[in-house]
């Protein structure tokens, strides 16, 4: 179970920590996400299991602002652009339904039917999205860096005042809310306000946060540079150390997702 956690987590973060040569152009960045199926890419080809859907969010920076190049879905060896102006994918999908953040609100994509529908009636420009484990409620991060809890099937939002100037958001399996704020520092939202997570580098040049792809009790997944950590709701953390098998699986999935990214780039004619 622990090995599978790292394999899937590697899929989620690999292009966040990839060297620039793996990206198609200097100003292009990519985020990736996969569903909860077991991944077993062939080590020589780097191909993912065809039975899962992997999402790729593409964007460029222009004048220090992210601009969407669309969200793509990879399934059965094929690439499909599913949302033109999408910027976010919910980080865990217990069923076939995945929530996507777009410049005009939330969309739901069914990986089984490959159908996309508007979810709720919100019109915010969304750059981050996460679904609760115990309910169908969502958290969204808007383009102006405000966090909201979305309830009543996408028809009502409640501002999370404790999360200030958020850059990324994530939930753990207990539905505790975490976010990355200024200087790539992670925080956890508690009943008495936001608390900065301790025990981490003070000035990381890159950071990524997500729900652990396999259940870890009371913690979220945080990457600082290329070092993974488990961060906890009591505002503490501990490094996560790969064993040899986990490192091998992690590298396999890096190659697998990079192969999908190159397929997206080729299809886009870049």
C-alpha atoms as a PDB file:
ATOM      1  CA  UNK A   1       0.000   0.000   0.000  1.00  0.00           C
ATOM      2  CA  UNK A   2       2.832   2.405   0.851  1.00  0.00           C
ATOM      3  CA  UNK A   3       4.502   1.722  -2.487  1.00  0.00           C
ATOM      4  CA  UNK A   4       1.329   2.497  -4.391  1.00  0.00           C
ATOM      5  CA  UNK A   5       1.030   5.787  -2.556  1.00  0.00           C
ATOM      6  CA  UNK A   6       4.382   6.967  -3.797  1.00  0.00           C
ATOM      7  CA  UNK A   7       3.753   5.747  -7.332  1.00  0.00           C
ATOM      8  CA  UNK A   8       0.563   7.752  -7.622  1.00  0.00           C
ATOM      9  CA  UNK A   9       2.000  10.732  -5.821  1.00  0.00           C
ATOM     10  CA  UNK A  10       4.869  10.706  -8.280  1.00  0.00           C
ATOM     11  CA  UNK A  11       2.367  10.912 -11.101  1.00  0.00           C
ATOM     12  CA  UNK A  12       0.723  13.922  -9.519  1.00  0.00           C
ATOM     13  CA  UNK A  13       3.905  15.926  -9.007  1.00  0.00           C
ATOM     14  CA  UNK A  14       6.405  14.739 -11.585  1.00  0.00           C
ATOM     15  CA  UNK A  15       6.055  17.577 -14.065  1.00  0.00           C
ATOM     16  CA  UNK A  16       5.987  20.097 -11.270  1.00  0.00           C
ATOM     17  CA  UNK A  17       9.543  19.018 -10.474  1.00  0.00           C
ATOM     18  CA  UNK A  18      10.690  18.124 -13.973  1.00  0.00           C
ATOM     19  CA  UNK A  19      13.726  19.732 -15.548  1.00  0.00           C
ATOM     20  CA  UNK A  20      13.016  22.381 -18.151  1.00  0.00           C
ATOM     21  CA  UNK A  21      14.120  20.150 -21.018  1.00  0.00           C
ATOM     22  CA  UNK A  22      10.962  18.076 -20.551  1.00  0.00           C
ATOM     23  CA  UNK A  23       8.759  21.068 -21.306  1.00  0.00           C
ATOM     24  CA  UNK A  24       7.982  22.148 -24.874  1.00  0.00           C
ATOM     25  CA  UNK A  25       8.760  25.830 -24.466  1.00  0.00           C
ATOM     26  CA  UNK A  26      10.300  28.113 -21.875  1.00  0.00           C
ATOM     27  CA  UNK A  27       7.104  29.776 -20.707  1.00  0.00           C
ATOM     28  CA  UNK A  28       4.995  26.625 -20.707  1.00  0.00           C
ATOM     29  CA  UNK A  29       4.068  24.787 -17.518  1.00  0.00           C
ATOM     30  CA  UNK A  30       1.969  21.718 -16.881  1.00  0.00           C
ATOM     31  CA  UNK A  31       0.023  20.105 -14.087  1.00  0.00           C
ATOM     32  CA  UNK A  32      -1.062  16.479 -14.104  1.00  0.00           C
ATOM     33  CA  UNK A  33      -3.540  14.317 -12.284  1.00  0.00           C
ATOM     34  CA  UNK A  34      -4.720  10.708 -12.461  1.00  0.00           C
ATOM     35  CA  UNK A  35      -7.678   8.813 -11.070  1.00  0.00           C
ATOM     36  CA  UNK A  36      -7.578   6.258  -8.271  1.00  0.00           C
ATOM     37  CA  UNK A  37      -6.855   3.195 -10.394  1.00  0.00           C
ATOM     38  CA  UNK A  38      -3.593   1.334  -9.881  1.00  0.00           C
ATOM     39  CA  UNK A  39      -0.924   2.522 -12.287  1.00  0.00           C
ATOM     40  CA  UNK A  40       1.530   0.167 -13.891  1.00  0.00           C
ATOM     41  CA  UNK A  41       3.351   1.804 -16.797  1.00  0.00           C
ATOM     42  CA  UNK A  42       5.763  -0.362 -18.745  1.00  0.00           C
ATOM     43  CA  UNK A  43       9.254   0.596 -17.653  1.00  0.00           C
ATOM     44  CA  UNK A  44      10.651   0.574 -21.188  1.00  0.00           C
ATOM     45  CA  UNK A  45       7.893   2.492 -22.952  1.00  0.00           C
ATOM     46  CA  UNK A  46       6.643   4.642 -20.096  1.00  0.00           C
ATOM     47  CA  UNK A  47       3.017   4.016 -21.078  1.00  0.00           C
ATOM     48  CA  UNK A  48       0.294   4.258 -18.451  1.00  0.00           C
ATOM     49  CA  UNK A  49      -2.397   1.670 -17.869  1.00  0.00           C
ATOM     50  CA  UNK A  50      -4.914   2.326 -20.652  1.00  0.00           C
ATOM     51  CA  UNK A  51      -7.840   1.770 -18.272  1.00  0.00           C
ATOM     52  CA  UNK A  52      -7.316   5.024 -16.380  1.00  0.00           C
ATOM     53  CA  UNK A  53      -7.806   8.648 -17.326  1.00  0.00           C
ATOM     54  CA  UNK A  54      -4.929  11.038 -16.775  1.00  0.00           C
ATOM     55  CA  UNK A  55      -5.563  14.780 -16.965  1.00  0.00           C
ATOM     56  CA  UNK A  56      -3.040  17.360 -18.073  1.00  0.00           C
ATOM     57  CA  UNK A  57      -3.522  21.059 -17.390  1.00  0.00           C
ATOM     58  CA  UNK A  58      -1.469  23.243 -19.712  1.00  0.00           C
ATOM     59  CA  UNK A  59      -0.783  26.933 -19.230  1.00  0.00           C
ATOM     60  CA  UNK A  60       1.694  29.660 -20.055  1.00  0.00           C
ATOM     61  CA  UNK A  61       2.912  32.649 -18.090  1.00  0.00           C
ATOM     62  CA  UNK A  62       2.434  35.981 -19.795  1.00  0.00           C
ATOM     63  CA  UNK A  63       3.274  39.134 -17.836  1.00  0.00           C
ATOM     64  CA  UNK A  64       3.546  37.027 -14.656  1.00  0.00           C
ATOM     65  CA  UNK A  65      -0.003  35.731 -15.102  1.00  0.00           C
ATOM     66  CA  UNK A  66      -1.130  32.196 -15.892  1.00  0.00           C
ATOM     67  CA  UNK A  67      -3.060  31.777 -19.124  1.00  0.00           C
ATOM     68  CA  UNK A  68      -4.788  28.495 -19.891  1.00  0.00           C
ATOM     69  CA  UNK A  69      -3.920  26.322 -22.862  1.00  0.00           C
ATOM     70  CA  UNK A  70      -6.626  23.850 -21.944  1.00  0.00           C
ATOM     71  CA  UNK A  71      -7.227  20.647 -20.004  1.00  0.00           C
ATOM     72  CA  UNK A  72      -6.567  17.355 -21.815  1.00  0.00           C
ATOM     73  CA  UNK A  73      -7.657  13.832 -20.916  1.00  0.00           C
ATOM     74  CA  UNK A  74      -5.534  10.791 -21.815  1.00  0.00           C
ATOM     75  CA  UNK A  75      -7.307   7.421 -21.994  1.00  0.00           C
ATOM     76  CA  UNK A  76      -6.743   4.270 -24.057  1.00  0.00           C
ATOM     77  CA  UNK A  77      -3.680   5.866 -25.612  1.00  0.00           C
ATOM     78  CA  UNK A  78      -5.685   8.800 -26.973  1.00  0.00           C
ATOM     79  CA  UNK A  79      -5.596  12.485 -26.098  1.00  0.00           C
ATOM     80  CA  UNK A  80      -8.757  14.587 -25.935  1.00  0.00           C
ATOM     81  CA  UNK A  81      -9.007  18.288 -25.148  1.00  0.00           C
ATOM     82  CA  UNK A  82     -11.904  18.485 -22.716  1.00  0.00           C
ATOM     83  CA  UNK A  83     -11.902  22.137 -21.632  1.00  0.00           C
ATOM     84  CA  UNK A  84     -10.547  25.126 -23.529  1.00  0.00           C
ATOM     85  CA  UNK A  85     -10.001  27.529 -20.624  1.00  0.00           C
ATOM     86  CA  UNK A  86      -9.515  25.075 -17.757  1.00  0.00           C
ATOM     87  CA  UNK A  87      -6.927  25.653 -15.051  1.00  0.00           C
ATOM     88  CA  UNK A  88      -7.621  23.068 -12.331  1.00  0.00           C
ATOM     89  CA  UNK A  89      -8.506  19.395 -11.787  1.00  0.00           C
ATOM     90  CA  UNK A  90      -9.795  17.910  -8.535  1.00  0.00           C
ATOM     91  CA  UNK A  91      -6.953  15.842  -7.110  1.00  0.00           C
ATOM     92  CA  UNK A  92      -8.784  12.601  -6.245  1.00  0.00           C
ATOM     93  CA  UNK A  93     -11.667  10.875  -7.983  1.00  0.00           C
ATOM     94  CA  UNK A  94     -13.287   8.008  -6.048  1.00  0.00           C
ATOM     95  CA  UNK A  95     -15.736   7.554  -8.921  1.00  0.00           C
ATOM     96  CA  UNK A  96     -15.623   8.354 -12.606  1.00  0.00           C
ATOM     97  CA  UNK A  97     -16.601  11.994 -12.004  1.00  0.00           C
ATOM     98  CA  UNK A  98     -13.850  14.615 -11.966  1.00  0.00           C
ATOM     99  CA  UNK A  99     -14.340  18.306 -11.207  1.00  0.00           C
ATOM    100  CA  UNK A 100     -12.566  20.851 -13.402  1.00  0.00           C
ATOM    101  CA  UNK A 101     -12.013  24.535 -12.713  1.00  0.00           C
ATOM    102  CA  UNK A 102     -12.558  26.911 -15.635  1.00  0.00           C
ATOM    103  CA  UNK A 103     -12.575  30.670 -16.133  1.00  0.00           C
ATOM    104  CA  UNK A 104     -16.395  30.626 -15.933  1.00  0.00           C
ATOM    105  CA  UNK A 105     -16.930  28.209 -13.045  1.00  0.00           C
ATOM    106  CA  UNK A 106     -16.937  24.460 -12.314  1.00  0.00           C
ATOM    107  CA  UNK A 107     -17.398  21.606 -14.769  1.00  0.00           C
ATOM    108  CA  UNK A 108     -17.855  17.880 -14.143  1.00  0.00           C
ATOM    109  CA  UNK A 109     -16.229  15.358 -16.483  1.00  0.00           C
ATOM    110  CA  UNK A 110     -17.349  11.735 -16.519  1.00  0.00           C
ATOM    111  CA  UNK A 111     -14.385   9.556 -17.475  1.00  0.00           C
ATOM    112  CA  UNK A 112     -16.635   6.614 -18.329  1.00  0.00           C
ATOM    113  CA  UNK A 113     -18.917   8.445 -20.764  1.00  0.00           C
ATOM    114  CA  UNK A 114     -16.363  11.177 -21.628  1.00  0.00           C
ATOM    115  CA  UNK A 115     -19.079  13.801 -21.194  1.00  0.00           C
ATOM    116  CA  UNK A 116     -18.507  17.289 -19.816  1.00  0.00           C
ATOM    117  CA  UNK A 117     -21.235  19.303 -18.073  1.00  0.00           C
ATOM    118  CA  UNK A 118     -21.377  22.597 -16.179  1.00  0.00           C
ATOM    119  CA  UNK A 119     -21.614  21.971 -12.436  1.00  0.00           C
ATOM    120  CA  UNK A 120     -23.718  24.410 -10.439  1.00  0.00           C
ATOM    121  CA  UNK A 121     -24.126  28.052 -11.340  1.00  0.00           C
ATOM    122  CA  UNK A 122     -20.943  29.765 -10.146  1.00  0.00           C
ATOM    123  CA  UNK A 123     -19.028  31.928 -12.601  1.00  0.00           C
ATOM    124  CA  UNK A 124     -15.706  32.428 -10.790  1.00  0.00           C
ATOM    125  CA  UNK A 125     -12.415  32.040 -12.646  1.00  0.00           C
ATOM    126  CA  UNK A 126     -10.970  28.983 -10.858  1.00  0.00           C
ATOM    127  CA  UNK A 127      -7.296  28.019 -10.609  1.00  0.00           C
ATOM    128  CA  UNK A 128      -7.569  25.349  -7.888  1.00  0.00           C
ATOM    129  CA  UNK A 129     -10.195  22.791  -6.886  1.00  0.00           C
ATOM    130  CA  UNK A 130     -10.481  19.961  -4.329  1.00  0.00           C
ATOM    131  CA  UNK A 131     -13.336  17.630  -3.341  1.00  0.00           C
ATOM    132  CA  UNK A 132     -14.103  16.518   0.195  1.00  0.00           C
ATOM    133  CA  UNK A 133     -13.733  12.836   0.972  1.00  0.00           C
ATOM    134  CA  UNK A 134     -16.860  12.481   3.117  1.00  0.00           C
ATOM    135  CA  UNK A 135     -19.258  14.730   1.166  1.00  0.00           C
ATOM    136  CA  UNK A 136     -19.782  16.140  -2.306  1.00  0.00           C
ATOM    137  CA  UNK A 137     -18.708  19.615  -1.182  1.00  0.00           C
ATOM    138  CA  UNK A 138     -15.798  21.285  -2.969  1.00  0.00           C
ATOM    139  CA  UNK A 139     -13.180  23.905  -2.237  1.00  0.00           C
ATOM    140  CA  UNK A 140     -12.154  26.295  -4.993  1.00  0.00           C
ATOM    141  CA  UNK A 141      -9.315  28.771  -5.363  1.00  0.00           C
ATOM    142  CA  UNK A 142     -10.183  31.713  -7.581  1.00  0.00           C
ATOM    143  CA  UNK A 143      -7.911  33.679  -9.865  1.00  0.00           C
ATOM    144  CA  UNK A 144      -7.778  36.521  -7.328  1.00  0.00           C
ATOM    145  CA  UNK A 145      -6.411  34.010  -4.738  1.00  0.00           C
ATOM    146  CA  UNK A 146      -9.561  33.712  -2.612  1.00  0.00           C
ATOM    147  CA  UNK A 147     -10.661  30.311  -1.255  1.00  0.00           C
ATOM    148  CA  UNK A 148     -14.320  29.302  -1.051  1.00  0.00           C
ATOM    149  CA  UNK A 149     -16.173  26.224   0.148  1.00  0.00           C
ATOM    150  CA  UNK A 150     -18.766  25.241  -2.481  1.00  0.00           C
ATOM    151  CA  UNK A 151     -21.933  23.549  -1.229  1.00  0.00           C
ATOM    152  CA  UNK A 152     -25.455  22.655  -2.380  1.00  0.00           C
ATOM    153  CA  UNK A 153     -24.299  21.042  -5.645  1.00  0.00           C
ATOM    154  CA  UNK A 154     -22.309  24.009  -6.824  1.00  0.00           C
ATOM    155  CA  UNK A 155     -24.956  26.664  -6.208  1.00  0.00           C
ATOM    156  CA  UNK A 156     -23.576  28.336  -3.083  1.00  0.00           C
ATOM    157  CA  UNK A 157     -20.113  29.385  -1.939  1.00  0.00           C
ATOM    158  CA  UNK A 158     -18.754  30.389   1.475  1.00  0.00           C
ATOM    159  CA  UNK A 159     -15.524  32.383   1.725  1.00  0.00           C
ATOM    160  CA  UNK A 160     -12.736  30.789   3.780  1.00  0.00           C
ATOM    161  CA  UNK A 161     -11.416  33.928   5.471  1.00  0.00           C
ATOM    162  CA  UNK A 162      -8.532  32.101   7.151  1.00  0.00           C
ATOM    163  CA  UNK A 163      -6.844  31.285   3.827  1.00  0.00           C
ATOM    164  CA  UNK A 164      -5.167  34.497   2.721  1.00  0.00           C
ATOM    165  CA  UNK A 165      -3.452  35.027  -0.638  1.00  0.00           C
ATOM    166  CA  UNK A 166      -3.498  31.310  -1.466  1.00  0.00           C
ATOM    167  CA  UNK A 167      -1.561  29.979  -4.458  1.00  0.00           C
ATOM    168  CA  UNK A 168      -2.590  26.291  -4.204  1.00  0.00           C
ATOM    169  CA  UNK A 169      -5.102  24.316  -2.130  1.00  0.00           C
ATOM    170  CA  UNK A 170      -5.505  20.679  -1.051  1.00  0.00           C
ATOM    171  CA  UNK A 171      -7.437  18.481   1.372  1.00  0.00           C
ATOM    172  CA  UNK A 172      -6.271  15.488   3.367  1.00  0.00           C
ATOM    173  CA  UNK A 173      -8.387  12.351   3.924  1.00  0.00           C
ATOM    174  CA  UNK A 174      -9.924  13.917   7.032  1.00  0.00           C
ATOM    175  CA  UNK A 175     -10.995  16.908   4.878  1.00  0.00           C
ATOM    176  CA  UNK A 176      -8.620  19.321   6.587  1.00  0.00           C
ATOM    177  CA  UNK A 177      -7.859  22.237   4.268  1.00  0.00           C
ATOM    178  CA  UNK A 178      -4.262  23.176   3.425  1.00  0.00           C
ATOM    179  CA  UNK A 179      -2.951  25.922   1.194  1.00  0.00           C
ATOM    180  CA  UNK A 180       0.310  27.344  -0.074  1.00  0.00           C
ATOM    181  CA  UNK A 181       0.670  31.032   0.668  1.00  0.00           C
ATOM    182  CA  UNK A 182       3.457  33.552   0.275  1.00  0.00           C
ATOM    183  CA  UNK A 183       7.033  32.339  -0.316  1.00  0.00           C
ATOM    184  CA  UNK A 184       5.832  28.790  -1.124  1.00  0.00           C
ATOM    185  CA  UNK A 185       4.951  28.142   2.514  1.00  0.00           C
ATOM    186  CA  UNK A 186       2.115  25.703   3.384  1.00  0.00           C
ATOM    187  CA  UNK A 187      -0.593  26.415   5.972  1.00  0.00           C
ATOM    188  CA  UNK A 188      -3.412  24.402   7.511  1.00  0.00           C
ATOM    189  CA  UNK A 189      -6.784  26.013   8.200  1.00  0.00           C
ATOM    190  CA  UNK A 190      -7.873  25.380  11.783  1.00  0.00           C
ATOM    191  CA  UNK A 191     -10.835  26.552  13.862  1.00  0.00           C
ATOM    192  CA  UNK A 192      -8.702  29.323  15.362  1.00  0.00           C
ATOM    193  CA  UNK A 193      -7.196  30.462  12.053  1.00  0.00           C
ATOM    194  CA  UNK A 194      -4.494  29.429   9.616  1.00  0.00           C
ATOM    195  CA  UNK A 195      -1.306  27.880  11.000  1.00  0.00           C
ATOM    196  CA  UNK A 196       2.009  27.745   9.196  1.00  0.00           C
ATOM    197  CA  UNK A 197       3.398  24.210   8.860  1.00  0.00           C
ATOM    198  CA  UNK A 198       6.642  23.783  10.758  1.00  0.00           C
ATOM    199  CA  UNK A 199       9.752  21.736   9.979  1.00  0.00           C
ATOM    200  CA  UNK A 200      10.034  22.722   6.304  1.00  0.00           C
ATOM    201  CA  UNK A 201      12.555  24.697   4.221  1.00  0.00           C
ATOM    202  CA  UNK A 202      12.183  28.418   4.816  1.00  0.00           C
ATOM    203  CA  UNK A 203      12.681  29.624   1.256  1.00  0.00           C
ATOM    204  CA  UNK A 204      11.854  26.891  -1.275  1.00  0.00           C
ATOM    205  CA  UNK A 205      11.954  27.923  -4.919  1.00  0.00           C
ATOM    206  CA  UNK A 206       9.105  25.526  -5.773  1.00  0.00           C
ATOM    207  CA  UNK A 207       6.299  23.814  -3.884  1.00  0.00           C
ATOM    208  CA  UNK A 208       3.363  21.526  -4.601  1.00  0.00           C
ATOM    209  CA  UNK A 209       0.550  20.327  -2.362  1.00  0.00           C
ATOM    210  CA  UNK A 210      -2.075  17.593  -2.795  1.00  0.00           C
ATOM    211  CA  UNK A 211      -4.124  14.982  -1.016  1.00  0.00           C
ATOM    212  CA  UNK A 212      -2.133  11.752  -0.613  1.00  0.00           C
ATOM    213  CA  UNK A 213      -3.327   9.428  -3.395  1.00  0.00           C
ATOM    214  CA  UNK A 214      -3.603   6.545  -0.912  1.00  0.00           C
ATOM    215  CA  UNK A 215      -4.944   7.039   2.593  1.00  0.00           C
ATOM    216  CA  UNK A 216      -2.401   8.413   5.038  1.00  0.00           C
ATOM    217  CA  UNK A 217      -3.921   9.112   8.429  1.00  0.00           C
ATOM    218  CA  UNK A 218      -4.111  12.810   9.259  1.00  0.00           C
ATOM    219  CA  UNK A 219      -1.841  14.270   6.631  1.00  0.00           C
ATOM    220  CA  UNK A 220      -1.420  15.829   3.194  1.00  0.00           C
ATOM    221  CA  UNK A 221       1.347  15.489   0.581  1.00  0.00           C
ATOM    222  CA  UNK A 222       3.790  18.371   0.111  1.00  0.00           C
ATOM    223  CA  UNK A 223       6.711  18.652  -2.297  1.00  0.00           C
ATOM    224  CA  UNK A 224       9.455  21.199  -1.686  1.00  0.00           C
ATOM    225  CA  UNK A 225      11.940  21.183  -4.549  1.00  0.00           C
ATOM    226  CA  UNK A 226      12.189  17.396  -5.078  1.00  0.00           C
ATOM    227  CA  UNK A 227      11.790  16.404  -1.431  1.00  0.00           C
ATOM    228  CA  UNK A 228       8.373  15.008  -0.373  1.00  0.00           C
ATOM    229  CA  UNK A 229       6.882  15.620   3.067  1.00  0.00           C
ATOM    230  CA  UNK A 230       3.787  14.594   4.944  1.00  0.00           C
ATOM    231  CA  UNK A 231       2.209  17.677   6.539  1.00  0.00           C
ATOM    232  CA  UNK A 232      -0.292  17.373   9.372  1.00  0.00           C
ATOM    233  CA  UNK A 233      -3.316  19.256  10.664  1.00  0.00           C
ATOM    234  CA  UNK A 234      -1.431  20.065  13.897  1.00  0.00           C
ATOM    235  CA  UNK A 235       0.944  22.167  11.725  1.00  0.00           C
ATOM    236  CA  UNK A 236       3.877  19.721  11.912  1.00  0.00           C
ATOM    237  CA  UNK A 237       5.605  17.789   9.136  1.00  0.00           C
ATOM    238  CA  UNK A 238       8.010  14.954   8.447  1.00  0.00           C
ATOM    239  CA  UNK A 239      10.114  14.081   5.383  1.00  0.00           C
ATOM    240  CA  UNK A 240       8.971  11.137   3.300  1.00  0.00           C
ATOM    241  CA  UNK A 241      11.894   8.910   2.315  1.00  0.00           C
ATOM    242  CA  UNK A 242      11.648   6.739  -0.788  1.00  0.00           C
ATOM    243  CA  UNK A 243      12.898   3.203  -0.540  1.00  0.00           C
ATOM    244  CA  UNK A 244      14.551   1.665  -3.621  1.00  0.00           C
ATOM    245  CA  UNK A 245      11.344   0.179  -5.033  1.00  0.00           C
ATOM    246  CA  UNK A 246       9.397   3.385  -4.499  1.00  0.00           C
ATOM    247  CA  UNK A 247      12.089   5.411  -6.211  1.00  0.00           C
ATOM    248  CA  UNK A 248      11.996   3.075  -9.209  1.00  0.00           C
ATOM    249  CA  UNK A 249       8.200   3.331  -9.452  1.00  0.00           C
ATOM    250  CA  UNK A 250       8.373   7.109  -9.077  1.00  0.00           C
ATOM    251  CA  UNK A 251      10.833   7.394 -11.960  1.00  0.00           C
ATOM    252  CA  UNK A 252       8.702   5.079 -14.132  1.00  0.00           C
ATOM    253  CA  UNK A 253       5.704   7.311 -13.651  1.00  0.00           C
ATOM    254  CA  UNK A 254       7.702  10.435 -14.370  1.00  0.00           C
ATOM    255  CA  UNK A 255       8.603   8.940 -17.749  1.00  0.00           C
ATOM    256  CA  UNK A 256       5.018   7.842 -18.325  1.00  0.00           C
ATOM    257  CA  UNK A 257       3.534  11.269 -17.717  1.00  0.00           C
ATOM    258  CA  UNK A 258       6.241  12.993 -19.727  1.00  0.00           C
ATOM    259  CA  UNK A 259       5.348  10.715 -22.637  1.00  0.00           C
ATOM    260  CA  UNK A 260       1.706  11.804 -22.328  1.00  0.00           C
ATOM    261  CA  UNK A 261       2.765  15.435 -22.186  1.00  0.00           C
ATOM    262  CA  UNK A 262       4.767  15.048 -25.389  1.00  0.00           C
ATOM    263  CA  UNK A 263       1.746  13.397 -27.009  1.00  0.00           C
ATOM    264  CA  UNK A 264      -0.362  16.416 -26.042  1.00  0.00           C
ATOM    265  CA  UNK A 265       2.248  18.774 -27.438  1.00  0.00           C
ATOM    266  CA  UNK A 266       2.425  16.862 -30.718  1.00  0.00           C
ATOM    267  CA  UNK A 267      -1.354  16.811 -31.072  1.00  0.00           C
ATOM    268  CA  UNK A 268      -1.471  20.562 -30.460  1.00  0.00           C
ATOM    269  CA  UNK A 269       1.040  20.961 -33.316  1.00  0.00           C
ATOM    270  CA  UNK A 270       3.730  22.620 -31.189  1.00  0.00           C
END
